[in-house]
Amino acid sequence: KRVLLYVDQFEELFTLVESADMRSRYVDDLVALLNSDLPITLLITMRSDFYPYLDAEAPTLLHSLEQEQGLVNLSAHLSFRQLHAVIVEPAERIGLRFEEGLVETILSDVTEAGTSMVMGKTAVLPLLEFALTQLWELRDEGMLTHAAYFNDIGGVKGGLSRWANEALQELRSQGYDSEYLPRRIFSDLVYIGDERQGQLDSRRPRTLTELIRSPEERASVLRVIDHLAIKRLLITEGHVDTPNQNTRVSIIHDALLLEWGKLKKWLAEDREFLLWRQRLQARQTEWEQKGRDHGGLLRDAFLAEAQRWFTERVEQLSPSEKEFIAESTQYQVREERRSRNLQRILIGSALIATSVFAILAWFGFDRSRAAIDALGESDRKSVV
């Protein structure tokens, strides 16, 4: 018997694992399994826009997959017949009916949305799933209607954005006048992609501990997350009511990053800060893995940048990030003080050395002059 090892969302190796050494060891283990005599089949799924990372950080794994002809690129396009089946067949199985022309309308919306989206028609499937789920919930005696699709849902492309905006509006009605908390929570749950390599932003699961900045805001953060989870914008693994360090939170799907205008606006406005914070977290992880050695602290330009963000956005930094910046600042202050003290010592030593040299030089000159005078006196006596 063979064992199937299935690794889903392999791109998270590059977005969630900040230690390059840990990533390398994981890839090496997978390659060792492929090259072993063990009866193991390895199945990996990964977003195609992460191929450059796979090529750069795991070339041996990529080579093994290509050598075994196991690298398969799934088409980003679905045929009209496939899309029709996705929409109609599940409804028929449970006895639902579509109003005349509604299926054609949905197909037209899916085609238009898929053409406009960066990742093609497969990226619109989550939006279609959301719209069809809403359509089912709004069914009228087994009939799926145009009125529900247009008026209540907003179509395939508009449905998710409308739903998300309504969820925020409900938060306001519950007393959360500011968008600060939901904005920060969603931003925390996104990995900012490298635009230079064509890498899109993607989901980044976090623990509740990472999402809470202080004990004072704990209750508010939990209530916001609970509401967004009920509205199916977030997924929680564990209980929000009784959270622990293993309770994880994530955005329901990458499609939300592509289609929700408000979230895209938030990420665009904060992109510089969020990219810097990702780099900071990578440095912090490395520092902690090396036993908080002074060699891993921030220095020079990176520390100056960290101090600037600390001043401007201290409330958006986690306690551990603030500690890392503070430790780096304190160490630099101590080093500068030590350097100044050493400089004073060297300057003082130089002055003393100069004085001693001057004294010795004067003493040597005085002795030389005395010897010359003595020699002159001796010469005069000889003449006499």
Protein backbone atom coordinates (compact mmCIF):
# COMPACT_ATOMS: atom_id res chain seq x y z
CA LYS A 1 0.00 0.00 0.00
CA ARG A 2 1.11 3.53 -0.77
CA VAL A 3 0.72 6.54 1.49
CA LEU A 4 -0.56 9.80 0.01
CA LEU A 5 0.98 12.91 1.55
CA TYR A 6 -1.15 15.90 0.49
CA VAL A 7 0.23 19.42 1.07
CA ASP A 8 -2.42 22.01 0.26
CA GLN A 9 -1.71 25.74 -0.23
CA PHE A 10 2.04 25.17 -0.50
CA GLU A 11 2.50 28.92 -1.10
CA GLU A 12 2.01 29.42 2.64
CA LEU A 13 5.51 28.01 3.12
CA PHE A 14 6.76 31.29 1.65
CA THR A 15 4.21 33.61 3.27
CA LEU A 16 3.86 32.19 6.78
CA VAL A 17 7.22 30.59 7.59
CA GLU A 18 9.56 33.52 8.20
CA SER A 19 12.68 31.46 8.92
CA ALA A 20 14.62 30.69 5.72
CA ASP A 21 16.41 27.86 7.53
CA MET A 22 13.11 26.24 8.53
CA ARG A 23 11.78 26.55 4.97
CA SER A 24 14.94 24.94 3.62
CA ARG A 25 14.77 22.02 6.06
CA TYR A 26 11.11 21.39 5.19
CA VAL A 27 11.86 21.30 1.47
CA ASP A 28 14.87 19.03 2.04
CA ASP A 29 12.66 16.60 3.95
CA LEU A 30 10.15 16.48 1.10
CA VAL A 31 12.92 15.87 -1.46
CA ALA A 32 14.36 13.12 0.75
CA LEU A 33 10.93 11.45 0.82
CA LEU A 34 10.69 11.62 -2.98
CA ASN A 35 14.14 10.09 -3.37
CA SER A 36 13.57 7.34 -0.81
CA ASP A 37 12.30 3.80 -1.39
CA LEU A 38 9.27 4.42 0.82
CA PRO A 39 5.86 3.86 -0.81
CA ILE A 40 4.86 7.53 -0.63
CA THR A 41 3.11 9.70 -3.19
CA LEU A 42 3.51 13.44 -2.65
CA LEU A 43 0.71 15.73 -3.86
CA ILE A 44 1.29 19.48 -3.64
CA THR A 45 -1.10 22.28 -4.63
CA MET A 46 0.12 25.85 -4.98
CA ARG A 47 -0.96 29.12 -6.56
CA SER A 48 0.81 29.64 -9.88
CA ASP A 49 1.97 33.18 -9.00
CA PHE A 50 4.31 31.61 -6.40
CA TYR A 51 6.33 29.66 -8.99
CA PRO A 52 9.22 32.16 -8.80
CA TYR A 53 9.51 31.47 -5.06
CA LEU A 54 9.46 27.72 -5.64
CA ASP A 55 12.18 28.08 -8.27
CA ALA A 56 14.31 30.37 -6.07
CA GLU A 57 13.98 28.60 -2.70
CA ALA A 58 13.20 24.98 -3.64
CA PRO A 59 14.91 24.24 -6.98
CA THR A 60 15.67 20.63 -5.98
CA LEU A 61 11.99 20.00 -5.22
CA LEU A 62 10.93 21.66 -8.47
CA HIS A 63 13.49 19.58 -10.38
CA SER A 64 12.22 16.38 -8.75
CA LEU A 65 8.64 17.23 -9.71
CA GLU A 66 9.58 18.06 -13.29
CA GLN A 67 11.77 14.95 -13.59
CA GLU A 68 8.91 12.70 -12.55
CA GLN A 69 6.52 14.57 -14.88
CA GLY A 70 4.49 15.39 -11.82
CA LEU A 71 4.15 19.13 -12.37
CA VAL A 72 0.66 19.93 -13.63
CA ASN A 73 -0.62 23.42 -14.44
CA LEU A 74 -4.37 23.65 -14.03
CA SER A 75 -6.10 25.88 -16.53
CA ALA A 76 -7.35 29.19 -15.20
CA HIS A 77 -10.31 28.98 -17.55
CA LEU A 78 -13.51 26.95 -17.33
CA SER A 79 -15.62 26.14 -20.36
CA PHE A 80 -19.18 27.43 -20.73
CA ARG A 81 -20.46 23.87 -20.19
CA GLN A 82 -18.44 23.48 -16.96
CA LEU A 83 -19.72 26.78 -15.58
CA HIS A 84 -23.30 25.86 -16.49
CA ALA A 85 -22.92 22.56 -14.62
CA VAL A 86 -21.48 24.31 -11.57
CA ILE A 87 -24.55 26.56 -11.37
CA VAL A 88 -27.38 24.24 -12.36
CA GLU A 89 -26.62 20.68 -11.29
CA PRO A 90 -26.37 21.20 -7.49
CA ALA A 91 -29.69 23.10 -7.55
CA GLU A 92 -31.42 20.38 -9.59
CA ARG A 93 -30.30 17.70 -7.17
CA ILE A 94 -32.25 19.31 -4.32
CA GLY A 95 -35.24 20.33 -6.40
CA LEU A 96 -34.56 24.04 -6.82
CA ARG A 97 -35.68 25.95 -9.90
CA PHE A 98 -34.29 29.07 -11.58
CA GLU A 99 -36.49 31.81 -12.95
CA GLU A 100 -36.35 31.95 -16.72
CA GLY A 101 -33.17 33.66 -17.92
CA LEU A 102 -31.48 33.75 -14.49
CA VAL A 103 -28.91 31.04 -15.29
CA GLU A 104 -27.89 32.90 -18.47
CA THR A 105 -27.60 36.13 -16.49
CA ILE A 106 -25.35 34.50 -13.90
CA LEU A 107 -23.19 32.91 -16.62
CA SER A 108 -22.79 36.29 -18.29
CA ASP A 109 -21.76 37.90 -14.96
CA VAL A 110 -19.26 35.12 -14.25
CA THR A 111 -17.70 35.48 -17.71
CA GLU A 112 -17.41 39.26 -17.35
CA ALA A 113 -15.99 39.01 -13.81
CA GLY A 114 -13.52 36.29 -14.80
CA THR A 115 -12.24 38.36 -17.70
CA SER A 116 -11.60 41.38 -15.46
CA MET A 117 -9.96 39.47 -12.60
CA VAL A 118 -6.20 38.99 -12.50
CA MET A 119 -6.35 35.27 -11.77
CA GLY A 120 -8.94 34.33 -14.39
CA LYS A 121 -12.23 32.49 -14.11
CA THR A 122 -11.14 30.12 -11.37
CA ALA A 123 -10.72 33.13 -9.07
CA VAL A 124 -14.37 34.06 -9.58
CA LEU A 125 -15.60 30.66 -8.38
CA PRO A 126 -15.58 31.71 -4.69
CA LEU A 127 -17.66 34.76 -5.64
CA LEU A 128 -20.04 32.52 -7.56
CA GLU A 129 -20.24 30.15 -4.60
CA PHE A 130 -21.07 33.05 -2.30
CA ALA A 131 -23.75 34.42 -4.64
CA LEU A 132 -25.37 31.00 -5.12
CA THR A 133 -25.36 30.35 -1.37
CA GLN A 134 -27.08 33.68 -0.79
CA LEU A 135 -29.50 32.91 -3.61
CA TRP A 136 -30.37 29.59 -1.95
CA GLU A 137 -30.96 31.30 1.40
CA LEU A 138 -33.31 33.77 -0.31
CA ARG A 139 -35.23 31.09 -2.28
CA ASP A 140 -38.97 31.61 -2.61
CA GLU A 141 -40.78 28.27 -2.33
CA GLY A 142 -38.00 26.49 -4.19
CA MET A 143 -37.59 29.24 -6.79
CA LEU A 144 -34.36 31.20 -7.26
CA THR A 145 -35.35 34.67 -8.46
CA HIS A 146 -33.97 37.65 -10.36
CA ALA A 147 -35.15 39.97 -7.60
CA ALA A 148 -33.05 38.21 -4.96
CA TYR A 149 -30.03 38.01 -7.27
CA PHE A 150 -30.02 41.68 -8.23
CA ASN A 151 -31.71 43.52 -5.37
CA ASP A 152 -30.57 41.55 -2.32
CA ILE A 153 -27.25 40.06 -3.43
CA GLY A 154 -25.90 42.47 -6.04
CA GLY A 155 -24.86 39.83 -8.54
CA VAL A 156 -21.74 37.69 -8.66
CA LYS A 157 -19.15 40.44 -8.48
CA GLY A 158 -21.03 42.86 -6.27
CA GLY A 159 -22.38 40.33 -3.79
CA LEU A 160 -19.28 39.83 -1.68
CA SER A 161 -18.45 43.54 -1.48
CA ARG A 162 -22.00 44.41 -0.53
CA TRP A 163 -22.05 41.69 2.12
CA ALA A 164 -18.75 42.88 3.61
CA ASN A 165 -19.84 46.52 3.67
CA GLU A 166 -23.10 45.58 5.35
CA ALA A 167 -21.16 43.63 7.99
CA LEU A 168 -19.15 46.79 8.78
CA GLN A 169 -22.35 48.84 8.91
CA GLU A 170 -23.78 46.40 11.45
CA LEU A 171 -20.68 46.91 13.59
CA ARG A 172 -21.38 50.65 13.60
CA SER A 173 -24.93 49.99 14.74
CA GLN A 174 -23.44 47.99 17.63
CA GLY A 175 -21.45 51.00 18.81
CA TYR A 176 -18.21 50.66 16.80
CA ASP A 177 -18.19 54.06 15.12
CA SER A 178 -14.59 53.74 13.97
CA GLU A 179 -13.32 51.31 11.33
CA TYR A 180 -9.98 51.20 13.13
CA LEU A 181 -10.32 47.71 14.65
CA PRO A 182 -11.77 45.87 11.63
CA ARG A 183 -9.26 47.66 9.39
CA ARG A 184 -6.34 46.61 11.58
CA ILE A 185 -7.61 43.03 11.96
CA PHE A 186 -8.06 42.53 8.22
CA SER A 187 -4.65 44.10 7.51
CA ASP A 188 -3.03 41.77 10.05
CA LEU A 189 -4.56 38.81 8.19
CA VAL A 190 -3.00 39.71 4.82
CA TYR A 191 0.44 38.84 3.50
CA ILE A 192 1.53 41.70 1.25
CA GLY A 193 2.78 40.28 -2.05
CA ASP A 194 5.87 41.34 -3.97
CA GLU A 195 4.50 43.39 -6.86
CA ARG A 196 7.86 43.27 -8.66
CA GLN A 197 7.46 39.50 -9.08
CA GLY A 198 3.76 39.66 -9.86
CA GLN A 199 2.88 38.10 -6.51
CA LEU A 200 -0.62 38.97 -5.33
CA ASP A 201 -1.57 39.68 -1.74
CA SER A 202 -2.77 36.55 0.06
CA ARG A 203 -4.34 35.42 3.30
CA ARG A 204 -2.15 35.06 6.37
CA PRO A 205 -3.69 33.24 9.37
CA ARG A 206 -2.91 34.68 12.79
CA THR A 207 -3.54 33.59 16.34
CA LEU A 208 -5.85 35.65 18.51
CA THR A 209 -2.85 36.53 20.64
CA GLU A 210 -1.21 38.20 17.63
CA LEU A 211 -4.35 40.19 16.83
CA ILE A 212 -4.73 41.65 20.34
CA ARG A 213 -2.40 44.56 21.07
CA SER A 214 -3.22 45.13 24.74
CA PRO A 215 -5.37 43.66 27.55
CA GLU A 216 -7.58 46.76 27.43
CA GLU A 217 -8.76 46.07 23.87
CA ARG A 218 -9.11 42.30 24.22
CA ALA A 219 -12.90 42.25 24.65
CA SER A 220 -13.45 44.64 21.72
CA VAL A 221 -11.18 42.65 19.38
CA LEU A 222 -12.94 39.40 20.27
CA ARG A 223 -16.37 40.92 19.64
CA VAL A 224 -15.33 42.28 16.23
CA ILE A 225 -13.79 38.95 15.19
CA ASP A 226 -16.85 37.07 16.39
CA HIS A 227 -19.15 39.33 14.36
CA LEU A 228 -17.01 39.04 11.20
CA ALA A 229 -16.90 35.26 11.63
CA ILE A 230 -20.70 35.09 11.96
CA LYS A 231 -20.92 37.13 8.74
CA ARG A 232 -18.58 34.57 7.11
CA LEU A 233 -15.85 37.09 6.31
CA LEU A 234 -13.43 35.44 8.74
CA ILE A 235 -12.82 31.83 9.73
CA THR A 236 -11.88 30.92 13.29
CA GLU A 237 -10.25 27.61 14.19
CA GLY A 238 -11.19 27.14 17.81
CA HIS A 239 -13.56 28.99 20.11
CA VAL A 240 -13.53 32.78 20.17
CA ASP A 241 -15.53 32.77 23.41
CA THR A 242 -12.78 30.83 25.19
CA PRO A 243 -9.69 31.72 23.11
CA ASN A 244 -6.22 30.36 23.70
CA GLN A 245 -2.89 30.72 21.94
CA ASN A 246 -3.88 28.03 19.42
CA THR A 247 -7.07 29.79 18.27
CA ARG A 248 -6.37 30.90 14.70
CA VAL A 249 -8.17 33.43 12.55
CA SER A 250 -8.04 33.89 8.78
CA ILE A 251 -9.88 35.66 5.96
CA ILE A 252 -12.42 33.33 4.38
CA HIS A 253 -10.94 33.48 0.86
CA ASP A 254 -8.37 35.32 -1.25
CA ALA A 255 -11.26 36.52 -3.42
CA LEU A 256 -12.12 39.01 -0.67
CA LEU A 257 -8.71 40.64 -1.21
CA LEU A 258 -9.37 40.95 -4.92
CA GLU A 259 -12.95 42.17 -4.92
CA TRP A 260 -13.74 44.08 -1.72
CA GLY A 261 -13.04 47.67 -2.60
CA LYS A 262 -12.74 48.91 0.98
CA LEU A 263 -10.14 46.29 1.92
CA LYS A 264 -8.15 47.03 -1.24
CA LYS A 265 -8.22 50.73 -0.31
CA TRP A 266 -7.02 50.01 3.24
CA LEU A 267 -4.15 47.86 1.98
CA ALA A 268 -3.13 50.42 -0.64
CA GLU A 269 -3.05 53.25 1.92
CA ASP A 270 -1.04 51.23 4.45
CA ARG A 271 1.13 49.26 2.04
CA GLU A 272 4.44 50.91 2.96
CA PHE A 273 3.86 50.31 6.67
CA LEU A 274 2.61 46.74 6.17
CA LEU A 275 5.59 45.78 4.00
CA TRP A 276 7.98 47.23 6.58
CA ARG A 277 6.18 45.36 9.38
CA GLN A 278 6.56 42.08 7.49
CA ARG A 279 10.32 42.67 7.28
CA LEU A 280 10.38 43.60 10.97
CA GLN A 281 8.59 40.38 11.92
CA ALA A 282 11.06 38.32 9.88
CA ARG A 283 13.99 39.99 11.67
CA GLN A 284 12.32 39.55 15.04
CA THR A 285 11.69 35.84 14.42
CA GLU A 286 15.33 35.34 13.45
CA TRP A 287 16.48 37.23 16.56
CA GLU A 288 14.34 35.08 18.85
CA GLN A 289 15.42 31.84 17.16
CA LYS A 290 19.05 32.78 17.81
CA GLY A 291 18.45 33.27 21.51
CA ARG A 292 17.99 37.04 21.32
CA ASP A 293 21.63 37.54 20.47
CA HIS A 294 22.75 41.15 20.10
CA GLY A 295 23.87 40.37 16.56
CA GLY A 296 20.23 40.01 15.50
CA LEU A 297 19.08 43.43 16.74
CA LEU A 298 18.16 46.26 14.40
CA ARG A 299 20.85 48.71 13.40
CA ASP A 300 21.54 51.80 11.37
CA ALA A 301 18.97 52.60 8.63
CA PHE A 302 16.57 49.78 9.56
CA LEU A 303 16.55 50.88 13.21
CA ALA A 304 15.98 54.51 12.19
CA GLU A 305 13.03 53.39 10.06
CA ALA A 306 11.68 51.30 12.94
CA GLN A 307 11.92 54.26 15.30
CA ARG A 308 10.00 56.40 12.80
CA TRP A 309 7.15 53.85 12.54
CA PHE A 310 7.23 53.40 16.31
CA THR A 311 6.57 57.12 16.68
CA GLU A 312 3.89 57.26 13.99
CA ARG A 313 2.01 53.97 14.57
CA VAL A 314 2.92 52.59 17.96
CA GLU A 315 -0.70 51.50 18.56
CA GLN A 316 -0.52 49.16 15.55
CA LEU A 317 2.57 47.33 16.77
CA SER A 318 2.37 44.22 18.92
CA PRO A 319 3.99 44.13 22.39
CA SER A 320 6.75 41.82 21.11
CA GLU A 321 7.49 44.13 18.16
CA LYS A 322 7.71 47.15 20.46
CA GLU A 323 10.02 45.20 22.75
CA PHE A 324 12.26 44.28 19.79
CA ILE A 325 12.55 47.91 18.70
CA ALA A 326 13.15 49.07 22.28
CA GLU A 327 15.87 46.43 22.80
CA SER A 328 17.53 47.50 19.55
CA THR A 329 17.37 51.18 20.52
CA GLN A 330 18.78 50.55 24.00
CA TYR A 331 21.60 48.44 22.62
CA GLN A 332 22.51 51.13 20.09
CA VAL A 333 22.49 53.78 22.84
CA ARG A 334 24.82 51.62 24.96
CA GLU A 335 27.09 51.03 21.97
CA GLU A 336 27.21 54.74 21.15
CA ARG A 337 27.96 55.57 24.79
CA ARG A 338 30.70 52.93 24.85
CA SER A 339 32.08 54.30 21.60
CA ARG A 340 32.12 57.85 22.98
CA ASN A 341 33.84 56.69 26.16
CA LEU A 342 36.39 54.79 24.13
CA GLN A 343 36.90 57.85 21.96
CA ARG A 344 37.48 59.98 25.04
CA ILE A 345 39.99 57.44 26.33
CA LEU A 346 41.78 57.34 23.00
CA ILE A 347 41.82 61.14 22.78
CA GLY A 348 43.06 61.36 26.36
CA SER A 349 45.67 58.71 25.68
CA ALA A 350 46.76 60.57 22.59
CA LEU A 351 47.10 63.82 24.55
CA ILE A 352 49.10 62.08 27.25
CA ALA A 353 51.28 60.40 24.64
CA THR A 354 51.82 63.76 22.96
CA SER A 355 52.76 65.36 26.27
CA VAL A 356 55.10 62.53 27.15
CA PHE A 357 56.67 62.70 23.73
CA ALA A 358 57.06 66.43 24.08
CA ILE A 359 58.64 66.05 27.51
CA LEU A 360 60.95 63.30 26.33
CA ALA A 361 61.82 65.29 23.25
CA TRP A 362 62.55 68.37 25.37
CA PHE A 363 64.55 66.26 27.82
CA GLY A 364 66.54 64.74 25.00
CA PHE A 365 67.11 68.14 23.44
CA ASP A 366 68.23 69.59 26.80
CA ARG A 367 70.70 66.75 27.34
CA SER A 368 72.04 67.18 23.82
CA ARG A 369 72.48 70.90 24.40
CA ALA A 370 74.34 70.22 27.68
CA ALA A 371 76.64 67.76 25.94
CA ILE A 372 77.38 70.30 23.21
CA ASP A 373 78.11 72.96 25.82
CA ALA A 374 80.40 70.58 27.68
CA LEU A 375 82.21 69.71 24.48
CA GLY A 376 82.66 73.40 23.68
CA GLU A 377 84.06 74.08 27.12
CA SER A 378 86.52 71.20 26.71
CA ASP A 379 87.68 72.59 23.38
CA ARG A 380 88.29 76.00 24.88
CA LYS A 381 90.45 74.51 27.64
CA SER A 382 92.45 72.58 25.10
CA VAL A 383 93.22 75.77 23.21
CA VAL A 384 94.31 77.52 26.36
